[in-house]
Amino acid sequence: MKSLLARLTIDNAEFYAYHGVRAEEQQLGGRFQVDVDIYYDARQAVVSDNLNDTVNYEEVLFLVNEHMSGDERYALVETLAFDIASSVVERFHKVAHVTVRVRKLAVPIQQVLDHVEAEITVMREG
């Protein structure tokens, strides 16, 4: 079988976290959503139908949670998205590239808007 590129998507994982530029955001926190699109060679997984041959999305969610709910506070949603994406590529050797979107749902500005979102794609080198 030739290579088989699969996309595994985690959509709208929601977190209450303490990231932002303003001190109030880092003290009071706010709601965030995270999407993760994981692209990987799924040849082994589709043949074996075995969890060990794929990217376990539960483990990816644990990794996302470490960044969202851990001790490190991020000022920028771009940096947060980059760190999540980089960690996914580092931890899961099957991943060819990953796109992470982080949405801040409560933006402390004097405008009416749904959210602010940063999208970052990280590709495995080589």
C-alpha atoms as a PDB file:
ATOM      1  CA  MET A   1       0.000   0.000   0.000  1.00  0.00           C
ATOM      2  CA  LYS A   2       1.203   3.496  -0.796  1.00  0.00           C
ATOM      3  CA  SER A   3       1.254   6.184   1.848  1.00  0.00           C
ATOM      4  CA  LEU A   4      -2.104   7.159   3.258  1.00  0.00           C
ATOM      5  CA  LEU A   5      -2.363  10.633   4.735  1.00  0.00           C
ATOM      6  CA  ALA A   6      -5.113  10.857   7.349  1.00  0.00           C
ATOM      7  CA  ARG A   7      -6.431  13.857   9.190  1.00  0.00           C
ATOM      8  CA  LEU A   8      -7.551  13.371  12.777  1.00  0.00           C
ATOM      9  CA  THR A   9      -9.442  16.403  14.110  1.00  0.00           C
ATOM     10  CA  ILE A  10     -10.198  17.477  17.650  1.00  0.00           C
ATOM     11  CA  ASP A  11     -12.773  20.253  17.452  1.00  0.00           C
ATOM     12  CA  ASN A  12     -13.814  22.815  20.069  1.00  0.00           C
ATOM     13  CA  ALA A  13     -12.088  21.381  23.135  1.00  0.00           C
ATOM     14  CA  GLU A  14     -13.023  23.948  25.763  1.00  0.00           C
ATOM     15  CA  PHE A  15     -10.890  25.139  28.669  1.00  0.00           C
ATOM     16  CA  TYR A  16     -11.042  27.743  31.375  1.00  0.00           C
ATOM     17  CA  ALA A  17      -7.503  29.108  31.451  1.00  0.00           C
ATOM     18  CA  TYR A  18      -5.400  32.045  32.591  1.00  0.00           C
ATOM     19  CA  HIS A  19      -3.688  33.373  29.464  1.00  0.00           C
ATOM     20  CA  GLY A  20      -3.591  36.911  28.117  1.00  0.00           C
ATOM     21  CA  VAL A  21      -1.645  40.139  27.987  1.00  0.00           C
ATOM     22  CA  ARG A  22      -3.542  41.874  30.778  1.00  0.00           C
ATOM     23  CA  ALA A  23      -2.978  41.044  34.432  1.00  0.00           C
ATOM     24  CA  GLU A  24      -6.723  40.577  34.922  1.00  0.00           C
ATOM     25  CA  GLU A  25      -6.782  37.843  32.270  1.00  0.00           C
ATOM     26  CA  GLN A  26      -3.993  35.981  34.022  1.00  0.00           C
ATOM     27  CA  GLN A  27      -5.704  36.364  37.428  1.00  0.00           C
ATOM     28  CA  LEU A  28      -9.400  35.918  36.575  1.00  0.00           C
ATOM     29  CA  GLY A  29      -9.032  33.639  33.543  1.00  0.00           C
ATOM     30  CA  GLY A  30     -11.389  33.094  30.657  1.00  0.00           C
ATOM     31  CA  ARG A  31     -12.855  30.577  28.254  1.00  0.00           C
ATOM     32  CA  PHE A  32     -10.788  29.196  25.393  1.00  0.00           C
ATOM     33  CA  GLN A  33     -11.431  26.656  22.654  1.00  0.00           C
ATOM     34  CA  VAL A  34      -8.772  24.603  20.912  1.00  0.00           C
ATOM     35  CA  ASP A  35      -8.931  22.725  17.597  1.00  0.00           C
ATOM     36  CA  VAL A  36      -6.191  20.319  16.559  1.00  0.00           C
ATOM     37  CA  ASP A  37      -5.856  18.908  13.024  1.00  0.00           C
ATOM     38  CA  ILE A  38      -3.316  16.083  12.988  1.00  0.00           C
ATOM     39  CA  TYR A  39      -1.999  14.752   9.670  1.00  0.00           C
ATOM     40  CA  TYR A  40      -0.217  11.408   9.707  1.00  0.00           C
ATOM     41  CA  ASP A  41       0.470   8.282   7.659  1.00  0.00           C
ATOM     42  CA  ALA A  42      -2.376   5.934   8.626  1.00  0.00           C
ATOM     43  CA  ARG A  43      -1.296   2.854   6.636  1.00  0.00           C
ATOM     44  CA  GLN A  44      -0.574   0.703   9.685  1.00  0.00           C
ATOM     45  CA  ALA A  45      -3.625   1.902  11.590  1.00  0.00           C
ATOM     46  CA  VAL A  46      -6.198   1.134   8.900  1.00  0.00           C
ATOM     47  CA  VAL A  47      -4.758  -2.340   8.303  1.00  0.00           C
ATOM     48  CA  SER A  48      -4.318  -3.351  11.954  1.00  0.00           C
ATOM     49  CA  ASP A  49      -7.277  -1.451  13.449  1.00  0.00           C
ATOM     50  CA  ASN A  50      -5.067  -1.152  16.531  1.00  0.00           C
ATOM     51  CA  LEU A  51      -4.806   1.923  18.761  1.00  0.00           C
ATOM     52  CA  ASN A  52      -1.022   1.444  19.033  1.00  0.00           C
ATOM     53  CA  ASP A  53      -0.678   2.115  15.279  1.00  0.00           C
ATOM     54  CA  THR A  54      -2.422   5.479  15.231  1.00  0.00           C
ATOM     55  CA  VAL A  55      -2.265   8.818  17.030  1.00  0.00           C
ATOM     56  CA  ASN A  56      -4.300   8.466  20.212  1.00  0.00           C
ATOM     57  CA  TYR A  57      -6.499  11.564  20.364  1.00  0.00           C
ATOM     58  CA  GLU A  58      -7.035  11.127  24.103  1.00  0.00           C
ATOM     59  CA  GLU A  59      -3.279  11.487  24.636  1.00  0.00           C
ATOM     60  CA  VAL A  60      -3.308  14.565  22.386  1.00  0.00           C
ATOM     61  CA  LEU A  61      -6.067  16.066  24.543  1.00  0.00           C
ATOM     62  CA  PHE A  62      -4.024  15.398  27.687  1.00  0.00           C
ATOM     63  CA  LEU A  63      -1.118  17.254  26.053  1.00  0.00           C
ATOM     64  CA  VAL A  64      -3.348  20.193  25.088  1.00  0.00           C
ATOM     65  CA  ASN A  65      -4.679  20.300  28.647  1.00  0.00           C
ATOM     66  CA  GLU A  66      -1.115  20.479  30.007  1.00  0.00           C
ATOM     67  CA  HIS A  67      -0.568  23.683  28.026  1.00  0.00           C
ATOM     68  CA  MET A  68      -3.980  25.187  28.694  1.00  0.00           C
ATOM     69  CA  SER A  69      -4.216  24.389  32.407  1.00  0.00           C
ATOM     70  CA  GLY A  70      -0.568  24.164  33.433  1.00  0.00           C
ATOM     71  CA  ASP A  71       1.472  26.636  35.439  1.00  0.00           C
ATOM     72  CA  GLU A  72       2.837  28.487  32.399  1.00  0.00           C
ATOM     73  CA  ARG A  73       0.830  31.578  31.443  1.00  0.00           C
ATOM     74  CA  TYR A  74       0.947  32.805  27.859  1.00  0.00           C
ATOM     75  CA  ALA A  75       0.458  36.419  26.870  1.00  0.00           C
ATOM     76  CA  LEU A  76      -0.259  35.635  23.195  1.00  0.00           C
ATOM     77  CA  VAL A  77      -2.644  33.056  21.750  1.00  0.00           C
ATOM     78  CA  GLU A  78      -0.132  32.655  18.902  1.00  0.00           C
ATOM     79  CA  THR A  79       2.566  31.474  21.307  1.00  0.00           C
ATOM     80  CA  LEU A  80       0.139  29.131  23.034  1.00  0.00           C
ATOM     81  CA  ALA A  81      -0.944  27.595  19.696  1.00  0.00           C
ATOM     82  CA  PHE A  82       2.695  27.227  18.604  1.00  0.00           C
ATOM     83  CA  ASP A  83       3.725  25.482  21.828  1.00  0.00           C
ATOM     84  CA  ILE A  84       0.800  23.058  21.598  1.00  0.00           C
ATOM     85  CA  ALA A  85       1.536  22.270  17.933  1.00  0.00           C
ATOM     86  CA  SER A  86       5.260  21.822  18.573  1.00  0.00           C
ATOM     87  CA  SER A  87       4.566  19.487  21.490  1.00  0.00           C
ATOM     88  CA  VAL A  88       2.266  17.312  19.358  1.00  0.00           C
ATOM     89  CA  VAL A  89       4.940  16.910  16.660  1.00  0.00           C
ATOM     90  CA  GLU A  90       7.617  16.184  19.280  1.00  0.00           C
ATOM     91  CA  ARG A  91       5.594  13.650  21.271  1.00  0.00           C
ATOM     92  CA  PHE A  92       3.888  11.716  18.440  1.00  0.00           C
ATOM     93  CA  HIS A  93       6.429  10.456  15.904  1.00  0.00           C
ATOM     94  CA  LYS A  94       3.730   9.448  13.379  1.00  0.00           C
ATOM     95  CA  VAL A  95       2.580  13.087  12.947  1.00  0.00           C
ATOM     96  CA  ALA A  96       3.732  14.705   9.694  1.00  0.00           C
ATOM     97  CA  HIS A  97       2.226  18.083  10.510  1.00  0.00           C
ATOM     98  CA  VAL A  98      -0.340  19.587  12.814  1.00  0.00           C
ATOM     99  CA  THR A  99      -2.506  22.691  12.766  1.00  0.00           C
ATOM    100  CA  VAL A 100      -3.681  24.152  16.065  1.00  0.00           C
ATOM    101  CA  ARG A 101      -6.287  26.865  16.462  1.00  0.00           C
ATOM    102  CA  VAL A 102      -6.727  28.605  19.814  1.00  0.00           C
ATOM    103  CA  ARG A 103      -9.786  30.791  20.315  1.00  0.00           C
ATOM    104  CA  LYS A 104     -10.152  33.259  23.162  1.00  0.00           C
ATOM    105  CA  LEU A 105     -13.894  33.529  23.732  1.00  0.00           C
ATOM    106  CA  ALA A 106     -13.956  36.436  26.177  1.00  0.00           C
ATOM    107  CA  VAL A 107     -11.812  39.217  24.768  1.00  0.00           C
ATOM    108  CA  PRO A 108     -11.432  42.168  27.157  1.00  0.00           C
ATOM    109  CA  ILE A 109     -11.796  44.973  24.632  1.00  0.00           C
ATOM    110  CA  GLN A 110     -14.543  47.483  23.962  1.00  0.00           C
ATOM    111  CA  GLN A 111     -15.837  45.787  20.822  1.00  0.00           C
ATOM    112  CA  VAL A 112     -18.506  43.156  20.265  1.00  0.00           C
ATOM    113  CA  LEU A 113     -17.039  39.998  18.745  1.00  0.00           C
ATOM    114  CA  ASP A 114     -17.352  36.242  19.075  1.00  0.00           C
ATOM    115  CA  HIS A 115     -13.688  35.458  19.614  1.00  0.00           C
ATOM    116  CA  VAL A 116     -10.095  36.025  18.610  1.00  0.00           C
ATOM    117  CA  GLU A 117      -8.308  33.069  17.033  1.00  0.00           C
ATOM    118  CA  ALA A 118      -4.708  32.180  16.229  1.00  0.00           C
ATOM    119  CA  GLU A 119      -3.858  29.333  13.858  1.00  0.00           C
ATOM    120  CA  ILE A 120      -0.398  27.765  13.704  1.00  0.00           C
ATOM    121  CA  THR A 121       0.861  24.866  11.571  1.00  0.00           C
ATOM    122  CA  VAL A 122       4.021  22.996  12.527  1.00  0.00           C
ATOM    123  CA  MET A 123       5.608  20.465  10.169  1.00  0.00           C
ATOM    124  CA  ARG A 124       8.007  17.692  11.022  1.00  0.00           C
ATOM    125  CA  GLU A 125      11.443  18.391   9.544  1.00  0.00           C
ATOM    126  CA  GLY A 126      12.781  15.923   7.015  1.00  0.00           C
END
